[in-house]
Amino acid sequence: MPGYELINVFEAAFPVYRLNISTLILHEQDIPVVGQFILKLIHSGIEDVENICGFLGLSEQIVEDYILELLTQELVTNEYVQDSIMLLLTAKGHEVMEKMKFVKPEEVAVPLVFDSS
């Protein structure tokens, strides 16, 4: 630095603690297009998995994967009626229908370093 003269240099160690904190961050994400159509179909009264598959023209495996995701997000519930599964929107599902976005938690590791003195 101009105007200063270096007189001495030495190595020093400063005691610090480092913690890795695992945090959950809530992200608002768009619902995938197939999930949006499934929610809209359930809302309009098509509540049977076979009818949803037929309406969308998708295989049962693809539709069931999306329905499983909607179940884990608690947007739909399922009932067994006369040997078939009927899907119903939950209160949370009705809220999500308005904006077609849902909140999904994401785990993030954050390092925290602080002085021990």
PDB file of N, CA and C in Angstrom:
ATOM      1  N   MET A   1       0.850  -1.178   0.000  1.00  0.00           N
ATOM      2  CA  MET A   1       0.000   0.000   0.000  1.00  0.00           C
ATOM      3  C   MET A   1       0.889   1.231   0.000  1.00  0.00           C
ATOM      4  N   PRO A   2       0.555   2.189  -0.812  1.00  0.00           N
ATOM      5  CA  PRO A   2       1.398   3.381  -0.900  1.00  0.00           C
ATOM      6  C   PRO A   2       1.406   4.153   0.423  1.00  0.00           C
ATOM      7  N   GLY A   3       2.572   4.629   0.790  1.00  0.00           N
ATOM      8  CA  GLY A   3       2.724   5.414   2.010  1.00  0.00           C
ATOM      9  C   GLY A   3       3.022   4.586   3.246  1.00  0.00           C
ATOM     10  N   TYR A   4       3.086   3.260   3.122  1.00  0.00           N
ATOM     11  CA  TYR A   4       3.374   2.390   4.252  1.00  0.00           C
ATOM     12  C   TYR A   4       4.591   1.538   3.939  1.00  0.00           C
ATOM     13  N   GLU A   5       5.292   1.128   5.012  1.00  0.00           N
ATOM     14  CA  GLU A   5       6.468   0.288   4.853  1.00  0.00           C
ATOM     15  C   GLU A   5       6.224  -1.020   5.613  1.00  0.00           C
ATOM     16  N   LEU A   6       6.485  -2.157   4.949  1.00  0.00           N
ATOM     17  CA  LEU A   6       6.325  -3.471   5.556  1.00  0.00           C
ATOM     18  C   LEU A   6       7.500  -3.722   6.492  1.00  0.00           C
ATOM     19  N   ILE A   7       7.205  -3.965   7.769  1.00  0.00           N
ATOM     20  CA  ILE A   7       8.261  -4.151   8.755  1.00  0.00           C
ATOM     21  C   ILE A   7       8.486  -5.632   9.049  1.00  0.00           C
ATOM     22  N   ASN A   8       7.414  -6.410   9.207  1.00  0.00           N
ATOM     23  CA  ASN A   8       7.563  -7.801   9.609  1.00  0.00           C
ATOM     24  C   ASN A   8       6.366  -8.613   9.097  1.00  0.00           C
ATOM     25  N   VAL A   9       6.589  -9.898   8.853  1.00  0.00           N
ATOM     26  CA  VAL A   9       5.550 -10.818   8.417  1.00  0.00           C
ATOM     27  C   VAL A   9       5.672 -12.079   9.254  1.00  0.00           C
ATOM     28  N   PHE A  10       4.562 -12.642   9.730  1.00  0.00           N
ATOM     29  CA  PHE A  10       4.587 -13.909  10.452  1.00  0.00           C
ATOM     30  C   PHE A  10       3.272 -14.660  10.184  1.00  0.00           C
ATOM     31  N   GLU A  11       3.358 -15.988  10.304  1.00  0.00           N
ATOM     32  CA  GLU A  11       2.172 -16.811  10.127  1.00  0.00           C
ATOM     33  C   GLU A  11       1.419 -16.858  11.438  1.00  0.00           C
ATOM     34  N   ALA A  12       0.104 -16.790  11.354  1.00  0.00           N
ATOM     35  CA  ALA A  12      -0.727 -16.828  12.550  1.00  0.00           C
ATOM     36  C   ALA A  12      -1.921 -17.747  12.272  1.00  0.00           C
ATOM     37  N   ALA A  13      -2.405 -18.375  13.309  1.00  0.00           N
ATOM     38  CA  ALA A  13      -3.590 -19.227  13.192  1.00  0.00           C
ATOM     39  C   ALA A  13      -4.671 -18.657  14.090  1.00  0.00           C
ATOM     40  N   PHE A  14      -5.843 -18.523  13.550  1.00  0.00           N
ATOM     41  CA  PHE A  14      -6.978 -18.022  14.314  1.00  0.00           C
ATOM     42  C   PHE A  14      -7.962 -19.169  14.501  1.00  0.00           C
ATOM     43  N   PRO A  15      -8.310 -19.487  15.736  1.00  0.00           N
ATOM     44  CA  PRO A  15      -9.245 -20.604  15.954  1.00  0.00           C
ATOM     45  C   PRO A  15     -10.658 -20.243  15.481  1.00  0.00           C
ATOM     46  N   VAL A  16     -11.184 -21.078  14.624  1.00  0.00           N
ATOM     47  CA  VAL A  16     -12.540 -20.874  14.119  1.00  0.00           C
ATOM     48  C   VAL A  16     -13.279 -22.210  14.144  1.00  0.00           C
ATOM     49  N   TYR A  17     -14.574 -22.132  14.188  1.00  0.00           N
ATOM     50  CA  TYR A  17     -15.421 -23.312  14.088  1.00  0.00           C
ATOM     51  C   TYR A  17     -16.138 -23.277  12.748  1.00  0.00           C
ATOM     52  N   ARG A  18     -16.252 -24.440  12.167  1.00  0.00           N
ATOM     53  CA  ARG A  18     -16.987 -24.553  10.908  1.00  0.00           C
ATOM     54  C   ARG A  18     -18.092 -25.581  11.095  1.00  0.00           C
ATOM     55  N   LEU A  19     -19.323 -25.161  10.817  1.00  0.00           N
ATOM     56  CA  LEU A  19     -20.471 -26.042  10.888  1.00  0.00           C
ATOM     57  C   LEU A  19     -21.115 -26.117   9.504  1.00  0.00           C
ATOM     58  N   ASN A  20     -21.484 -27.303   9.109  1.00  0.00           N
ATOM     59  CA  ASN A  20     -22.268 -27.459   7.889  1.00  0.00           C
ATOM     60  C   ASN A  20     -23.718 -27.664   8.315  1.00  0.00           C
ATOM     61  N   ILE A  21     -24.531 -26.689   8.009  1.00  0.00           N
ATOM     62  CA  ILE A  21     -25.926 -26.715   8.419  1.00  0.00           C
ATOM     63  C   ILE A  21     -26.782 -27.187   7.243  1.00  0.00           C
ATOM     64  N   SER A  22     -27.621 -28.144   7.515  1.00  0.00           N
ATOM     65  CA  SER A  22     -28.551 -28.634   6.502  1.00  0.00           C
ATOM     66  C   SER A  22     -29.864 -27.876   6.668  1.00  0.00           C
ATOM     67  N   THR A  23     -30.261 -27.143   5.643  1.00  0.00           N
ATOM     68  CA  THR A  23     -31.468 -26.325   5.707  1.00  0.00           C
ATOM     69  C   THR A  23     -32.469 -26.771   4.650  1.00  0.00           C
ATOM     70  N   LEU A  24     -33.719 -26.515   4.916  1.00  0.00           N
ATOM     71  CA  LEU A  24     -34.773 -26.743   3.931  1.00  0.00           C
ATOM     72  C   LEU A  24     -35.233 -25.387   3.410  1.00  0.00           C
ATOM     73  N   ILE A  25     -35.170 -25.225   2.110  1.00  0.00           N
ATOM     74  CA  ILE A  25     -35.606 -23.988   1.472  1.00  0.00           C
ATOM     75  C   ILE A  25     -36.846 -24.312   0.657  1.00  0.00           C
ATOM     76  N   LEU A  26     -37.863 -23.491   0.785  1.00  0.00           N
ATOM     77  CA  LEU A  26     -39.103 -23.716   0.052  1.00  0.00           C
ATOM     78  C   LEU A  26     -39.045 -22.965  -1.273  1.00  0.00           C
ATOM     79  N   HIS A  27     -39.191 -23.727  -2.366  1.00  0.00           N
ATOM     80  CA  HIS A  27     -39.186 -23.150  -3.710  1.00  0.00           C
ATOM     81  C   HIS A  27     -40.580 -23.270  -4.307  1.00  0.00           C
ATOM     82  N   GLU A  28     -41.020 -22.203  -4.946  1.00  0.00           N
ATOM     83  CA  GLU A  28     -42.284 -22.272  -5.669  1.00  0.00           C
ATOM     84  C   GLU A  28     -41.987 -22.731  -7.088  1.00  0.00           C
ATOM     85  N   GLN A  29     -42.600 -23.838  -7.492  1.00  0.00           N
ATOM     86  CA  GLN A  29     -42.334 -24.412  -8.797  1.00  0.00           C
ATOM     87  C   GLN A  29     -43.625 -24.563  -9.576  1.00  0.00           C
ATOM     88  N   ASP A  30     -43.486 -24.520 -10.894  1.00  0.00           N
ATOM     89  CA  ASP A  30     -44.630 -24.789 -11.758  1.00  0.00           C
ATOM     90  C   ASP A  30     -44.952 -26.274 -11.721  1.00  0.00           C
ATOM     91  N   ILE A  31     -46.222 -26.583 -11.787  1.00  0.00           N
ATOM     92  CA  ILE A  31     -46.643 -27.974 -11.895  1.00  0.00           C
ATOM     93  C   ILE A  31     -46.398 -28.415 -13.328  1.00  0.00           C
ATOM     94  N   PRO A  32     -45.854 -29.612 -13.547  1.00  0.00           N
ATOM     95  CA  PRO A  32     -45.660 -30.088 -14.923  1.00  0.00           C
ATOM     96  C   PRO A  32     -46.992 -30.105 -15.682  1.00  0.00           C
ATOM     97  N   VAL A  33     -46.909 -29.996 -16.995  1.00  0.00           N
ATOM     98  CA  VAL A  33     -48.106 -29.875 -17.833  1.00  0.00           C
ATOM     99  C   VAL A  33     -49.052 -31.056 -17.631  1.00  0.00           C
ATOM    100  N   VAL A  34     -48.518 -32.263 -17.579  1.00  0.00           N
ATOM    101  CA  VAL A  34     -49.383 -33.430 -17.382  1.00  0.00           C
ATOM    102  C   VAL A  34     -50.065 -33.349 -16.022  1.00  0.00           C
ATOM    103  N   GLY A  35     -49.343 -32.918 -15.000  1.00  0.00           N
ATOM    104  CA  GLY A  35     -49.930 -32.745 -13.681  1.00  0.00           C
ATOM    105  C   GLY A  35     -51.031 -31.706 -13.680  1.00  0.00           C
ATOM    106  N   GLN A  36     -50.844 -30.618 -14.441  1.00  0.00           N
ATOM    107  CA  GLN A  36     -51.883 -29.589 -14.550  1.00  0.00           C
ATOM    108  C   GLN A  36     -53.149 -30.158 -15.161  1.00  0.00           C
ATOM    109  N   PHE A  37     -52.998 -30.940 -16.230  1.00  0.00           N
ATOM    110  CA  PHE A  37     -54.171 -31.519 -16.871  1.00  0.00           C
ATOM    111  C   PHE A  37     -54.861 -32.525 -15.964  1.00  0.00           C
ATOM    112  N   ILE A  38     -54.093 -33.296 -15.213  1.00  0.00           N
ATOM    113  CA  ILE A  38     -54.702 -34.255 -14.290  1.00  0.00           C
ATOM    114  C   ILE A  38     -55.506 -33.514 -13.228  1.00  0.00           C
ATOM    115  N   LEU A  39     -54.952 -32.427 -12.670  1.00  0.00           N
ATOM    116  CA  LEU A  39     -55.691 -31.639 -11.684  1.00  0.00           C
ATOM    117  C   LEU A  39     -56.967 -31.065 -12.289  1.00  0.00           C
ATOM    118  N   LYS A  40     -56.872 -30.552 -13.505  1.00  0.00           N
ATOM    119  CA  LYS A  40     -58.047 -29.973 -14.155  1.00  0.00           C
ATOM    120  C   LYS A  40     -59.113 -31.032 -14.423  1.00  0.00           C
ATOM    121  N   LEU A  41     -58.688 -32.232 -14.825  1.00  0.00           N
ATOM    122  CA  LEU A  41     -59.645 -33.306 -15.078  1.00  0.00           C
ATOM    123  C   LEU A  41     -60.336 -33.743 -13.784  1.00  0.00           C
ATOM    124  N   ILE A  42     -59.571 -33.870 -12.709  1.00  0.00           N
ATOM    125  CA  ILE A  42     -60.168 -34.248 -11.423  1.00  0.00           C
ATOM    126  C   ILE A  42     -61.141 -33.163 -10.978  1.00  0.00           C
ATOM    127  N   HIS A  43     -60.760 -31.915 -11.172  1.00  0.00           N
ATOM    128  CA  HIS A  43     -61.623 -30.788 -10.792  1.00  0.00           C
ATOM    129  C   HIS A  43     -62.921 -30.795 -11.600  1.00  0.00           C
ATOM    130  N   SER A  44     -62.847 -31.222 -12.852  1.00  0.00           N
ATOM    131  CA  SER A  44     -64.040 -31.223 -13.704  1.00  0.00           C
ATOM    132  C   SER A  44     -64.894 -32.478 -13.548  1.00  0.00           C
ATOM    133  N   GLY A  45     -64.450 -33.434 -12.718  1.00  0.00           N
ATOM    134  CA  GLY A  45     -65.283 -34.594 -12.427  1.00  0.00           C
ATOM    135  C   GLY A  45     -64.779 -35.913 -12.981  1.00  0.00           C
ATOM    136  N   ILE A  46     -63.708 -35.912 -13.744  1.00  0.00           N
ATOM    137  CA  ILE A  46     -63.128 -37.167 -14.239  1.00  0.00           C
ATOM    138  C   ILE A  46     -62.149 -37.641 -13.174  1.00  0.00           C
ATOM    139  N   GLU A  47     -62.603 -38.579 -12.329  1.00  0.00           N
ATOM    140  CA  GLU A  47     -61.850 -38.941 -11.126  1.00  0.00           C
ATOM    141  C   GLU A  47     -61.257 -40.342 -11.171  1.00  0.00           C
ATOM    142  N   ASP A  48     -61.515 -41.082 -12.235  1.00  0.00           N
ATOM    143  CA  ASP A  48     -61.031 -42.452 -12.359  1.00  0.00           C
ATOM    144  C   ASP A  48     -59.728 -42.455 -13.170  1.00  0.00           C
ATOM    145  N   VAL A  49     -58.750 -43.242 -12.737  1.00  0.00           N
ATOM    146  CA  VAL A  49     -57.443 -43.282 -13.400  1.00  0.00           C
ATOM    147  C   VAL A  49     -57.582 -43.734 -14.851  1.00  0.00           C
ATOM    148  N   GLU A  50     -58.419 -44.735 -15.104  1.00  0.00           N
ATOM    149  CA  GLU A  50     -58.608 -45.217 -16.482  1.00  0.00           C
ATOM    150  C   GLU A  50     -59.178 -44.137 -17.387  1.00  0.00           C
ATOM    151  N   ASN A  51     -60.143 -43.387 -16.882  1.00  0.00           N
ATOM    152  CA  ASN A  51     -60.735 -42.307 -17.687  1.00  0.00           C
ATOM    153  C   ASN A  51     -59.729 -41.192 -17.950  1.00  0.00           C
ATOM    154  N   ILE A  52     -58.881 -40.893 -16.953  1.00  0.00           N
ATOM    155  CA  ILE A  52     -57.847 -39.870 -17.140  1.00  0.00           C
ATOM    156  C   ILE A  52     -56.857 -40.327 -18.201  1.00  0.00           C
ATOM    157  N   CYS A  53     -56.456 -41.591 -18.142  1.00  0.00           N
ATOM    158  CA  CYS A  53     -55.537 -42.142 -19.155  1.00  0.00           C
ATOM    159  C   CYS A  53     -56.157 -42.062 -20.543  1.00  0.00           C
ATOM    160  N   GLY A  54     -57.419 -42.437 -20.653  1.00  0.00           N
ATOM    161  CA  GLY A  54     -58.088 -42.397 -21.945  1.00  0.00           C
ATOM    162  C   GLY A  54     -58.242 -40.987 -22.475  1.00  0.00           C
ATOM    163  N   PHE A  55     -58.557 -40.052 -21.603  1.00  0.00           N
ATOM    164  CA  PHE A  55     -58.737 -38.659 -22.033  1.00  0.00           C
ATOM    165  C   PHE A  55     -57.424 -38.043 -22.493  1.00  0.00           C
ATOM    166  N   LEU A  56     -56.346 -38.310 -21.760  1.00  0.00           N
ATOM    167  CA  LEU A  56     -55.043 -37.725 -22.101  1.00  0.00           C
ATOM    168  C   LEU A  56     -54.309 -38.517 -23.176  1.00  0.00           C
ATOM    169  N   GLY A  57     -54.700 -39.769 -23.396  1.00  0.00           N
ATOM    170  CA  GLY A  57     -54.019 -40.598 -24.381  1.00  0.00           C
ATOM    171  C   GLY A  57     -52.633 -41.020 -23.932  1.00  0.00           C
ATOM    172  N   LEU A  58     -52.459 -41.162 -22.631  1.00  0.00           N
ATOM    173  CA  LEU A  58     -51.163 -41.562 -22.065  1.00  0.00           C
ATOM    174  C   LEU A  58     -51.289 -42.938 -21.429  1.00  0.00           C
ATOM    175  N   SER A  59     -50.149 -43.595 -21.276  1.00  0.00           N
ATOM    176  CA  SER A  59     -50.163 -44.913 -20.636  1.00  0.00           C
ATOM    177  C   SER A  59     -50.500 -44.765 -19.157  1.00  0.00           C
ATOM    178  N   GLU A  60     -50.993 -45.849 -18.591  1.00  0.00           N
ATOM    179  CA  GLU A  60     -51.382 -45.833 -17.184  1.00  0.00           C
ATOM    180  C   GLU A  60     -50.174 -45.599 -16.279  1.00  0.00           C
ATOM    181  N   GLN A  61     -49.008 -46.104 -16.670  1.00  0.00           N
ATOM    182  CA  GLN A  61     -47.789 -45.927 -15.862  1.00  0.00           C
ATOM    183  C   GLN A  61     -47.408 -44.443 -15.751  1.00  0.00           C
ATOM    184  N   ILE A  62     -47.482 -43.718 -16.856  1.00  0.00           N
ATOM    185  CA  ILE A  62     -47.133 -42.288 -16.843  1.00  0.00           C
ATOM    186  C   ILE A  62     -48.106 -41.518 -15.964  1.00  0.00           C
ATOM    187  N   VAL A  63     -49.396 -41.774 -16.131  1.00  0.00           N
ATOM    188  CA  VAL A  63     -50.406 -41.069 -15.342  1.00  0.00           C
ATOM    189  C   VAL A  63     -50.262 -41.411 -13.864  1.00  0.00           C
ATOM    190  N   GLU A  64     -50.006 -42.672 -13.542  1.00  0.00           N
ATOM    191  CA  GLU A  64     -49.840 -43.059 -12.141  1.00  0.00           C
ATOM    192  C   GLU A  64     -48.619 -42.400 -11.510  1.00  0.00           C
ATOM    193  N   ASP A  65     -47.545 -42.224 -12.277  1.00  0.00           N
ATOM    194  CA  ASP A  65     -46.364 -41.527 -11.747  1.00  0.00           C
ATOM    195  C   ASP A  65     -46.702 -40.086 -11.374  1.00  0.00           C
ATOM    196  N   TYR A  66     -47.450 -39.398 -12.234  1.00  0.00           N
ATOM    197  CA  TYR A  66     -47.844 -38.022 -11.934  1.00  0.00           C
ATOM    198  C   TYR A  66     -48.827 -37.971 -10.775  1.00  0.00           C
ATOM    199  N   ILE A  67     -49.737 -38.922 -10.714  1.00  0.00           N
ATOM    200  CA  ILE A  67     -50.693 -38.957  -9.607  1.00  0.00           C
ATOM    201  C   ILE A  67     -49.969 -39.216  -8.291  1.00  0.00           C
ATOM    202  N   LEU A  68     -48.954 -40.068  -8.308  1.00  0.00           N
ATOM    203  CA  LEU A  68     -48.164 -40.324  -7.110  1.00  0.00           C
ATOM    204  C   LEU A  68     -47.497 -39.039  -6.615  1.00  0.00           C
ATOM    205  N   GLU A  69     -46.975 -38.255  -7.545  1.00  0.00           N
ATOM    206  CA  GLU A  69     -46.372 -36.970  -7.166  1.00  0.00           C
ATOM    207  C   GLU A  69     -47.418 -36.029  -6.576  1.00  0.00           C
ATOM    208  N   LEU A  70     -48.602 -35.999  -7.151  1.00  0.00           N
ATOM    209  CA  LEU A  70     -49.679 -35.150  -6.627  1.00  0.00           C
ATOM    210  C   LEU A  70     -50.129 -35.640  -5.251  1.00  0.00           C
ATOM    211  N   LEU A  71     -50.111 -36.950  -5.038  1.00  0.00           N
ATOM    212  CA  LEU A  71     -50.454 -37.496  -3.723  1.00  0.00           C
ATOM    213  C   LEU A  71     -49.409 -37.121  -2.676  1.00  0.00           C
ATOM    214  N   THR A  72     -48.133 -37.197  -3.033  1.00  0.00           N
ATOM    215  CA  THR A  72     -47.078 -36.855  -2.069  1.00  0.00           C
ATOM    216  C   THR A  72     -47.084 -35.364  -1.742  1.00  0.00           C
ATOM    217  N   GLN A  73     -47.514 -34.535  -2.698  1.00  0.00           N
ATOM    218  CA  GLN A  73     -47.622 -33.099  -2.438  1.00  0.00           C
ATOM    219  C   GLN A  73     -48.931 -32.748  -1.723  1.00  0.00           C
ATOM    220  N   GLU A  74     -49.756 -33.756  -1.464  1.00  0.00           N
ATOM    221  CA  GLU A  74     -51.053 -33.612  -0.790  1.00  0.00           C
ATOM    222  C   GLU A  74     -52.003 -32.705  -1.555  1.00  0.00           C
ATOM    223  N   LEU A  75     -51.972 -32.801  -2.878  1.00  0.00           N
ATOM    224  CA  LEU A  75     -52.879 -32.036  -3.716  1.00  0.00           C
ATOM    225  C   LEU A  75     -54.131 -32.835  -4.045  1.00  0.00           C
ATOM    226  N   VAL A  76     -54.026 -34.162  -4.035  1.00  0.00           N
ATOM    227  CA  VAL A  76     -55.167 -35.038  -4.272  1.00  0.00           C
ATOM    228  C   VAL A  76     -55.180 -36.143  -3.217  1.00  0.00           C
ATOM    229  N   THR A  77     -56.342 -36.729  -3.029  1.00  0.00           N
ATOM    230  CA  THR A  77     -56.480 -37.914  -2.187  1.00  0.00           C
ATOM    231  C   THR A  77     -57.136 -38.997  -3.026  1.00  0.00           C
ATOM    232  N   ASN A  78     -57.057 -40.225  -2.560  1.00  0.00           N
ATOM    233  CA  ASN A  78     -57.691 -41.306  -3.301  1.00  0.00           C
ATOM    234  C   ASN A  78     -58.653 -42.056  -2.398  1.00  0.00           C
ATOM    235  N   GLU A  79     -59.740 -42.526  -3.009  1.00  0.00           N
ATOM    236  CA  GLU A  79     -60.738 -43.332  -2.325  1.00  0.00           C
ATOM    237  C   GLU A  79     -60.992 -44.580  -3.154  1.00  0.00           C
ATOM    238  N   TYR A  80     -61.289 -45.675  -2.487  1.00  0.00           N
ATOM    239  CA  TYR A  80     -61.648 -46.900  -3.189  1.00  0.00           C
ATOM    240  C   TYR A  80     -63.167 -46.998  -3.232  1.00  0.00           C
ATOM    241  N   VAL A  81     -63.715 -46.943  -4.441  1.00  0.00           N
ATOM    242  CA  VAL A  81     -65.160 -47.020  -4.631  1.00  0.00           C
ATOM    243  C   VAL A  81     -65.431 -48.105  -5.663  1.00  0.00           C
ATOM    244  N   GLN A  82     -66.136 -49.139  -5.264  1.00  0.00           N
ATOM    245  CA  GLN A  82     -66.531 -50.239  -6.147  1.00  0.00           C
ATOM    246  C   GLN A  82     -65.340 -50.781  -6.943  1.00  0.00           C
ATOM    247  N   ASP A  83     -64.290 -51.182  -6.247  1.00  0.00           N
ATOM    248  CA  ASP A  83     -63.095 -51.796  -6.837  1.00  0.00           C
ATOM    249  C   ASP A  83     -62.337 -50.882  -7.794  1.00  0.00           C
ATOM    250  N   SER A  84     -62.483 -49.579  -7.672  1.00  0.00           N
ATOM    251  CA  SER A  84     -61.696 -48.652  -8.485  1.00  0.00           C
ATOM    252  C   SER A  84     -61.240 -47.495  -7.604  1.00  0.00           C
ATOM    253  N   ILE A  85     -60.186 -46.855  -8.025  1.00  0.00           N
ATOM    254  CA  ILE A  85     -59.621 -45.737  -7.269  1.00  0.00           C
ATOM    255  C   ILE A  85     -60.194 -44.439  -7.824  1.00  0.00           C
ATOM    256  N   MET A  86     -60.822 -43.656  -6.953  1.00  0.00           N
ATOM    257  CA  MET A  86     -61.361 -42.358  -7.331  1.00  0.00           C
ATOM    258  C   MET A  86     -60.474 -41.282  -6.710  1.00  0.00           C
ATOM    259  N   LEU A  87     -60.129 -40.281  -7.489  1.00  0.00           N
ATOM    260  CA  LEU A  87     -59.260 -39.207  -7.028  1.00  0.00           C
ATOM    261  C   LEU A  87     -60.082 -37.967  -6.709  1.00  0.00           C
ATOM    262  N   LEU A  88     -59.722 -37.296  -5.624  1.00  0.00           N
ATOM    263  CA  LEU A  88     -60.404 -36.077  -5.210  1.00  0.00           C
ATOM    264  C   LEU A  88     -59.373 -35.006  -4.893  1.00  0.00           C
ATOM    265  N   LEU A  89     -59.707 -33.754  -5.190  1.00  0.00           N
ATOM    266  CA  LEU A  89     -58.817 -32.648  -4.848  1.00  0.00           C
ATOM    267  C   LEU A  89     -58.925 -32.342  -3.361  1.00  0.00           C
ATOM    268  N   THR A  90     -57.815 -32.032  -2.736  1.00  0.00           N
ATOM    269  CA  THR A  90     -57.809 -31.582  -1.345  1.00  0.00           C
ATOM    270  C   THR A  90     -57.975 -30.053  -1.333  1.00  0.00           C
ATOM    271  N   ALA A  91     -58.059 -29.496  -0.138  1.00  0.00           N
ATOM    272  CA  ALA A  91     -58.146 -28.033  -0.022  1.00  0.00           C
ATOM    273  C   ALA A  91     -56.880 -27.390  -0.593  1.00  0.00           C
ATOM    274  N   LYS A  92     -55.738 -28.012  -0.322  1.00  0.00           N
ATOM    275  CA  LYS A  92     -54.468 -27.526  -0.875  1.00  0.00           C
ATOM    276  C   LYS A  92     -54.481 -27.635  -2.396  1.00  0.00           C
ATOM    277  N   GLY A  93     -55.083 -28.700  -2.921  1.00  0.00           N
ATOM    278  CA  GLY A  93     -55.194 -28.873  -4.367  1.00  0.00           C
ATOM    279  C   GLY A  93     -56.024 -27.786  -5.016  1.00  0.00           C
ATOM    280  N   HIS A  94     -57.107 -27.370  -4.344  1.00  0.00           N
ATOM    281  CA  HIS A  94     -57.939 -26.278  -4.872  1.00  0.00           C
ATOM    282  C   HIS A  94     -57.156 -24.961  -4.898  1.00  0.00           C
ATOM    283  N   GLU A  95     -56.333 -24.721  -3.863  1.00  0.00           N
ATOM    284  CA  GLU A  95     -55.515 -23.500  -3.834  1.00  0.00           C
ATOM    285  C   GLU A  95     -54.498 -23.498  -4.965  1.00  0.00           C
ATOM    286  N   VAL A  96     -53.868 -24.646  -5.196  1.00  0.00           N
ATOM    287  CA  VAL A  96     -52.856 -24.761  -6.243  1.00  0.00           C
ATOM    288  C   VAL A  96     -53.484 -24.605  -7.622  1.00  0.00           C
ATOM    289  N   MET A  97     -54.727 -25.037  -7.770  1.00  0.00           N
ATOM    290  CA  MET A  97     -55.426 -24.915  -9.050  1.00  0.00           C
ATOM    291  C   MET A  97     -55.509 -23.457  -9.516  1.00  0.00           C
ATOM    292  N   GLU A  98     -55.575 -22.523  -8.576  1.00  0.00           N
ATOM    293  CA  GLU A  98     -55.705 -21.109  -8.928  1.00  0.00           C
ATOM    294  C   GLU A  98     -54.453 -20.564  -9.609  1.00  0.00           C
ATOM    295  N   LYS A  99     -53.266 -20.948  -9.130  1.00  0.00           N
ATOM    296  CA  LYS A  99     -52.039 -20.377  -9.686  1.00  0.00           C
ATOM    297  C   LYS A  99     -51.154 -21.386 -10.401  1.00  0.00           C
ATOM    298  N   MET A 100     -51.495 -22.685 -10.335  1.00  0.00           N
ATOM    299  CA  MET A 100     -50.759 -23.780 -10.975  1.00  0.00           C
ATOM    300  C   MET A 100     -49.278 -23.796 -10.577  1.00  0.00           C
ATOM    301  N   LYS A 101     -49.011 -23.462  -9.335  1.00  0.00           N
ATOM    302  CA  LYS A 101     -47.675 -23.553  -8.762  1.00  0.00           C
ATOM    303  C   LYS A 101     -47.803 -24.207  -7.402  1.00  0.00           C
ATOM    304  N   PHE A 102     -46.769 -24.930  -6.993  1.00  0.00           N
ATOM    305  CA  PHE A 102     -46.760 -25.525  -5.673  1.00  0.00           C
ATOM    306  C   PHE A 102     -45.415 -25.277  -5.019  1.00  0.00           C
ATOM    307  N   VAL A 103     -45.388 -25.366  -3.705  1.00  0.00           N
ATOM    308  CA  VAL A 103     -44.172 -25.129  -2.939  1.00  0.00           C
ATOM    309  C   VAL A 103     -43.530 -26.475  -2.651  1.00  0.00           C
ATOM    310  N   LYS A 104     -42.268 -26.577  -3.012  1.00  0.00           N
ATOM    311  CA  LYS A 104     -41.540 -27.828  -2.826  1.00  0.00           C
ATOM    312  C   LYS A 104     -40.290 -27.556  -1.985  1.00  0.00           C
ATOM    313  N   PRO A 105     -40.074 -28.314  -0.907  1.00  0.00           N
ATOM    314  CA  PRO A 105     -38.871 -28.108  -0.098  1.00  0.00           C
ATOM    315  C   PRO A 105     -37.632 -28.686  -0.783  1.00  0.00           C
ATOM    316  N   GLU A 106     -36.513 -27.977  -0.617  1.00  0.00           N
ATOM    317  CA  GLU A 106     -35.239 -28.440  -1.164  1.00  0.00           C
ATOM    318  C   GLU A 106     -34.196 -28.349  -0.067  1.00  0.00           C
ATOM    319  N   GLU A 107     -33.441 -29.416   0.135  1.00  0.00           N
ATOM    320  CA  GLU A 107     -32.421 -29.442   1.178  1.00  0.00           C
ATOM    321  C   GLU A 107     -31.121 -28.866   0.627  1.00  0.00           C
ATOM    322  N   VAL A 108     -30.553 -27.896   1.364  1.00  0.00           N
ATOM    323  CA  VAL A 108     -29.325 -27.230   0.948  1.00  0.00           C
ATOM    324  C   VAL A 108     -28.355 -27.233   2.132  1.00  0.00           C
ATOM    325  N   ALA A 109     -27.096 -27.585   1.891  1.00  0.00           N
ATOM    326  CA  ALA A 109     -26.060 -27.536   2.925  1.00  0.00           C
ATOM    327  C   ALA A 109     -25.407 -26.157   2.898  1.00  0.00           C
ATOM    328  N   VAL A 110     -25.395 -25.478   4.042  1.00  0.00           N
ATOM    329  CA  VAL A 110     -24.833 -24.134   4.149  1.00  0.00           C
ATOM    330  C   VAL A 110     -23.680 -24.178   5.153  1.00  0.00           C
ATOM    331  N   PRO A 111     -22.458 -23.797   4.714  1.00  0.00           N
ATOM    332  CA  PRO A 111     -21.338 -23.759   5.678  1.00  0.00           C
ATOM    333  C   PRO A 111     -21.423 -22.499   6.534  1.00  0.00           C
ATOM    334  N   LEU A 112     -21.205 -22.652   7.838  1.00  0.00           N
ATOM    335  CA  LEU A 112     -21.221 -21.535   8.767  1.00  0.00           C
ATOM    336  C   LEU A 112     -19.882 -21.531   9.492  1.00  0.00           C
ATOM    337  N   VAL A 113     -19.096 -20.455   9.324  1.00  0.00           N
ATOM    338  CA  VAL A 113     -17.784 -20.327   9.944  1.00  0.00           C
ATOM    339  C   VAL A 113     -17.816 -19.135  10.903  1.00  0.00           C
ATOM    340  N   PHE A 114     -17.377 -19.361  12.166  1.00  0.00           N
ATOM    341  CA  PHE A 114     -17.352 -18.251  13.112  1.00  0.00           C
ATOM    342  C   PHE A 114     -16.140 -18.366  14.034  1.00  0.00           C
ATOM    343  N   ASP A 115     -15.743 -17.219  14.559  1.00  0.00           N
ATOM    344  CA  ASP A 115     -14.568 -17.100  15.429  1.00  0.00           C
ATOM    345  C   ASP A 115     -14.859 -17.760  16.777  1.00  0.00           C
ATOM    346  N   SER A 116     -13.900 -18.529  17.305  1.00  0.00           N
ATOM    347  CA  SER A 116     -14.130 -19.235  18.579  1.00  0.00           C
ATOM    348  C   SER A 116     -13.749 -18.391  19.792  1.00  0.00           C
ATOM    349  N   SER A 117     -13.159 -17.247  19.593  1.00  0.00           N
ATOM    350  CA  SER A 117     -12.748 -16.457  20.756  1.00  0.00           C
ATOM    351  C   SER A 117     -13.813 -15.490  21.208  1.00  0.00           C
TER     352      SER A 117
END
